[in-house]
Amino acid sequence: MLDYMIYLLTFAVGSIIGLLYSYKQHGEPFVAVTKLNIPALVISIIGWFLAFNSGNVILSAVGFFLGGFVMGERPGYGRKETAIGLIIAVATYLLNSGVM
């Protein structure tokens, strides 16, 4: 039960920090950048991979922090990067568990 609380807290902190970082990076009032953000994509892939595939409480918490960082950016930013990171992490999990 404590594991889940750690995951929720690190995800919430990551989301808040991601939102603050996103407001510093993008001052425009709406989504103006439509290209893929490579650093955010790498952070998202690493974060969601660690969250779902590490098997360790601390590494999973770091993964949820990184995933929350990208997912918590301003509305419209980080959505593609989060989706790609989640797809890769879930596919890897399914391959490792023997479902696929």
C-alpha atoms as a PDB file:
ATOM      1  CA  MET A   1       0.000   0.000   0.000  1.00  0.00           C
ATOM      2  CA  LEU A   2       2.863   2.357   0.793  1.00  0.00           C
ATOM      3  CA  ASP A   3       4.339   1.668  -2.646  1.00  0.00           C
ATOM      4  CA  TYR A   4       1.284   3.092  -4.347  1.00  0.00           C
ATOM      5  CA  MET A   5       1.399   6.204  -2.169  1.00  0.00           C
ATOM      6  CA  ILE A   6       5.021   6.767  -3.172  1.00  0.00           C
ATOM      7  CA  TYR A   7       4.079   6.348  -6.837  1.00  0.00           C
ATOM      8  CA  LEU A   8       1.196   8.809  -6.562  1.00  0.00           C
ATOM      9  CA  LEU A   9       3.291  11.395  -4.740  1.00  0.00           C
ATOM     10  CA  THR A  10       6.190  11.209  -7.176  1.00  0.00           C
ATOM     11  CA  PHE A  11       3.810  11.392 -10.136  1.00  0.00           C
ATOM     12  CA  ALA A  12       2.092  14.464  -8.648  1.00  0.00           C
ATOM     13  CA  VAL A  13       5.413  16.180  -7.915  1.00  0.00           C
ATOM     14  CA  GLY A  14       6.641  15.366 -11.432  1.00  0.00           C
ATOM     15  CA  SER A  15       3.449  16.792 -12.931  1.00  0.00           C
ATOM     16  CA  ILE A  16       3.780  20.025 -10.984  1.00  0.00           C
ATOM     17  CA  ILE A  17       7.435  20.449 -11.921  1.00  0.00           C
ATOM     18  CA  GLY A  18       6.609  19.632 -15.561  1.00  0.00           C
ATOM     19  CA  LEU A  19       3.877  22.264 -15.572  1.00  0.00           C
ATOM     20  CA  LEU A  20       6.191  24.898 -14.127  1.00  0.00           C
ATOM     21  CA  TYR A  21       8.925  23.982 -16.601  1.00  0.00           C
ATOM     22  CA  SER A  22       6.468  24.097 -19.510  1.00  0.00           C
ATOM     23  CA  TYR A  23       5.237  27.573 -18.562  1.00  0.00           C
ATOM     24  CA  LYS A  24       8.843  28.799 -18.527  1.00  0.00           C
ATOM     25  CA  GLN A  25       9.533  27.265 -21.948  1.00  0.00           C
ATOM     26  CA  HIS A  26       6.334  28.259 -23.752  1.00  0.00           C
ATOM     27  CA  GLY A  27       4.866  31.711 -23.268  1.00  0.00           C
ATOM     28  CA  GLU A  28       2.291  31.543 -26.035  1.00  0.00           C
ATOM     29  CA  PRO A  29      -1.374  31.244 -24.954  1.00  0.00           C
ATOM     30  CA  PHE A  30      -2.098  28.175 -27.084  1.00  0.00           C
ATOM     31  CA  VAL A  31      -0.273  25.227 -28.598  1.00  0.00           C
ATOM     32  CA  ALA A  32       2.002  26.677 -31.240  1.00  0.00           C
ATOM     33  CA  VAL A  33       4.650  23.955 -31.392  1.00  0.00           C
ATOM     34  CA  THR A  34       3.445  20.899 -33.286  1.00  0.00           C
ATOM     35  CA  LYS A  35       6.725  19.083 -33.838  1.00  0.00           C
ATOM     36  CA  LEU A  36       7.905  16.237 -31.637  1.00  0.00           C
ATOM     37  CA  ASN A  37      10.023  17.329 -28.669  1.00  0.00           C
ATOM     38  CA  ILE A  38      12.921  14.842 -28.679  1.00  0.00           C
ATOM     39  CA  PRO A  39      14.208  15.490 -25.113  1.00  0.00           C
ATOM     40  CA  ALA A  40      10.680  15.114 -23.721  1.00  0.00           C
ATOM     41  CA  LEU A  41      10.229  11.945 -25.785  1.00  0.00           C
ATOM     42  CA  VAL A  42      13.397  10.418 -24.339  1.00  0.00           C
ATOM     43  CA  ILE A  43      12.345  11.383 -20.797  1.00  0.00           C
ATOM     44  CA  SER A  44       8.898   9.901 -21.385  1.00  0.00           C
ATOM     45  CA  ILE A  45      10.216   6.609 -22.774  1.00  0.00           C
ATOM     46  CA  ILE A  46      12.717   6.203 -19.930  1.00  0.00           C
ATOM     47  CA  GLY A  47      10.160   7.208 -17.309  1.00  0.00           C
ATOM     48  CA  TRP A  48       7.324   4.946 -18.391  1.00  0.00           C
ATOM     49  CA  PHE A  49       9.749   2.084 -19.051  1.00  0.00           C
ATOM     50  CA  LEU A  50      11.075   2.351 -15.497  1.00  0.00           C
ATOM     51  CA  ALA A  51       7.587   2.736 -14.051  1.00  0.00           C
ATOM     52  CA  PHE A  52       6.227  -0.436 -15.631  1.00  0.00           C
ATOM     53  CA  ASN A  53       9.262  -2.660 -16.084  1.00  0.00           C
ATOM     54  CA  SER A  54      11.763  -2.018 -13.280  1.00  0.00           C
ATOM     55  CA  GLY A  55      10.332  -4.191 -10.496  1.00  0.00           C
ATOM     56  CA  ASN A  56      11.983  -1.924  -7.928  1.00  0.00           C
ATOM     57  CA  VAL A  57      10.084   0.598  -5.788  1.00  0.00           C
ATOM     58  CA  ILE A  58      12.656   3.364  -6.099  1.00  0.00           C
ATOM     59  CA  LEU A  59      13.193   2.977  -9.845  1.00  0.00           C
ATOM     60  CA  SER A  60       9.431   2.787 -10.407  1.00  0.00           C
ATOM     61  CA  ALA A  61       8.996   5.987  -8.380  1.00  0.00           C
ATOM     62  CA  VAL A  62      11.661   7.690 -10.505  1.00  0.00           C
ATOM     63  CA  GLY A  63       9.835   6.428 -13.598  1.00  0.00           C
ATOM     64  CA  PHE A  64       6.503   7.845 -12.423  1.00  0.00           C
ATOM     65  CA  PHE A  65       8.229  11.141 -11.638  1.00  0.00           C
ATOM     66  CA  LEU A  66       9.683  11.338 -15.172  1.00  0.00           C
ATOM     67  CA  GLY A  67       6.408  10.224 -16.767  1.00  0.00           C
ATOM     68  CA  GLY A  68       4.502  12.788 -14.733  1.00  0.00           C
ATOM     69  CA  PHE A  69       6.985  15.463 -15.737  1.00  0.00           C
ATOM     70  CA  VAL A  70       6.187  15.040 -19.429  1.00  0.00           C
ATOM     71  CA  MET A  71       2.495  14.289 -18.928  1.00  0.00           C
ATOM     72  CA  GLY A  72       2.048  17.313 -16.655  1.00  0.00           C
ATOM     73  CA  GLU A  73       3.177  19.925 -19.151  1.00  0.00           C
ATOM     74  CA  ARG A  74       0.783  22.631 -20.295  1.00  0.00           C
ATOM     75  CA  PRO A  75      -2.324  21.385 -22.102  1.00  0.00           C
ATOM     76  CA  GLY A  76      -1.382  20.377 -25.614  1.00  0.00           C
ATOM     77  CA  TYR A  77       2.322  19.916 -24.905  1.00  0.00           C
ATOM     78  CA  GLY A  78       3.797  16.501 -24.232  1.00  0.00           C
ATOM     79  CA  ARG A  79       0.759  14.548 -25.426  1.00  0.00           C
ATOM     80  CA  LYS A  80       2.518  12.845 -28.341  1.00  0.00           C
ATOM     81  CA  GLU A  81       5.613  12.140 -26.292  1.00  0.00           C
ATOM     82  CA  THR A  82       3.533  10.636 -23.471  1.00  0.00           C
ATOM     83  CA  ALA A  83       1.569   8.439 -25.861  1.00  0.00           C
ATOM     84  CA  ILE A  84       4.708   7.115 -27.549  1.00  0.00           C
ATOM     85  CA  GLY A  85       6.407   6.492 -24.199  1.00  0.00           C
ATOM     86  CA  LEU A  86       3.373   4.631 -22.835  1.00  0.00           C
ATOM     87  CA  ILE A  87       3.034   2.499 -25.965  1.00  0.00           C
ATOM     88  CA  ILE A  88       6.691   1.469 -25.843  1.00  0.00           C
ATOM     89  CA  ALA A  89       6.571   0.735 -22.092  1.00  0.00           C
ATOM     90  CA  VAL A  90       3.361  -1.318 -22.277  1.00  0.00           C
ATOM     91  CA  ALA A  91       4.583  -3.258 -25.320  1.00  0.00           C
ATOM     92  CA  THR A  92       7.837  -4.050 -23.513  1.00  0.00           C
ATOM     93  CA  TYR A  93       5.914  -5.133 -20.419  1.00  0.00           C
ATOM     94  CA  LEU A  94       3.664  -7.405 -22.466  1.00  0.00           C
ATOM     95  CA  LEU A  95       6.648  -8.929 -24.248  1.00  0.00           C
ATOM     96  CA  ASN A  96       8.462  -9.571 -20.960  1.00  0.00           C
ATOM     97  CA  SER A  97       5.407 -11.073 -19.256  1.00  0.00           C
ATOM     98  CA  GLY A  98       4.845 -13.536 -22.077  1.00  0.00           C
ATOM     99  CA  VAL A  99       1.411 -12.294 -23.134  1.00  0.00           C
ATOM    100  CA  MET A 100       2.542 -11.515 -26.679  1.00  0.00           C
END
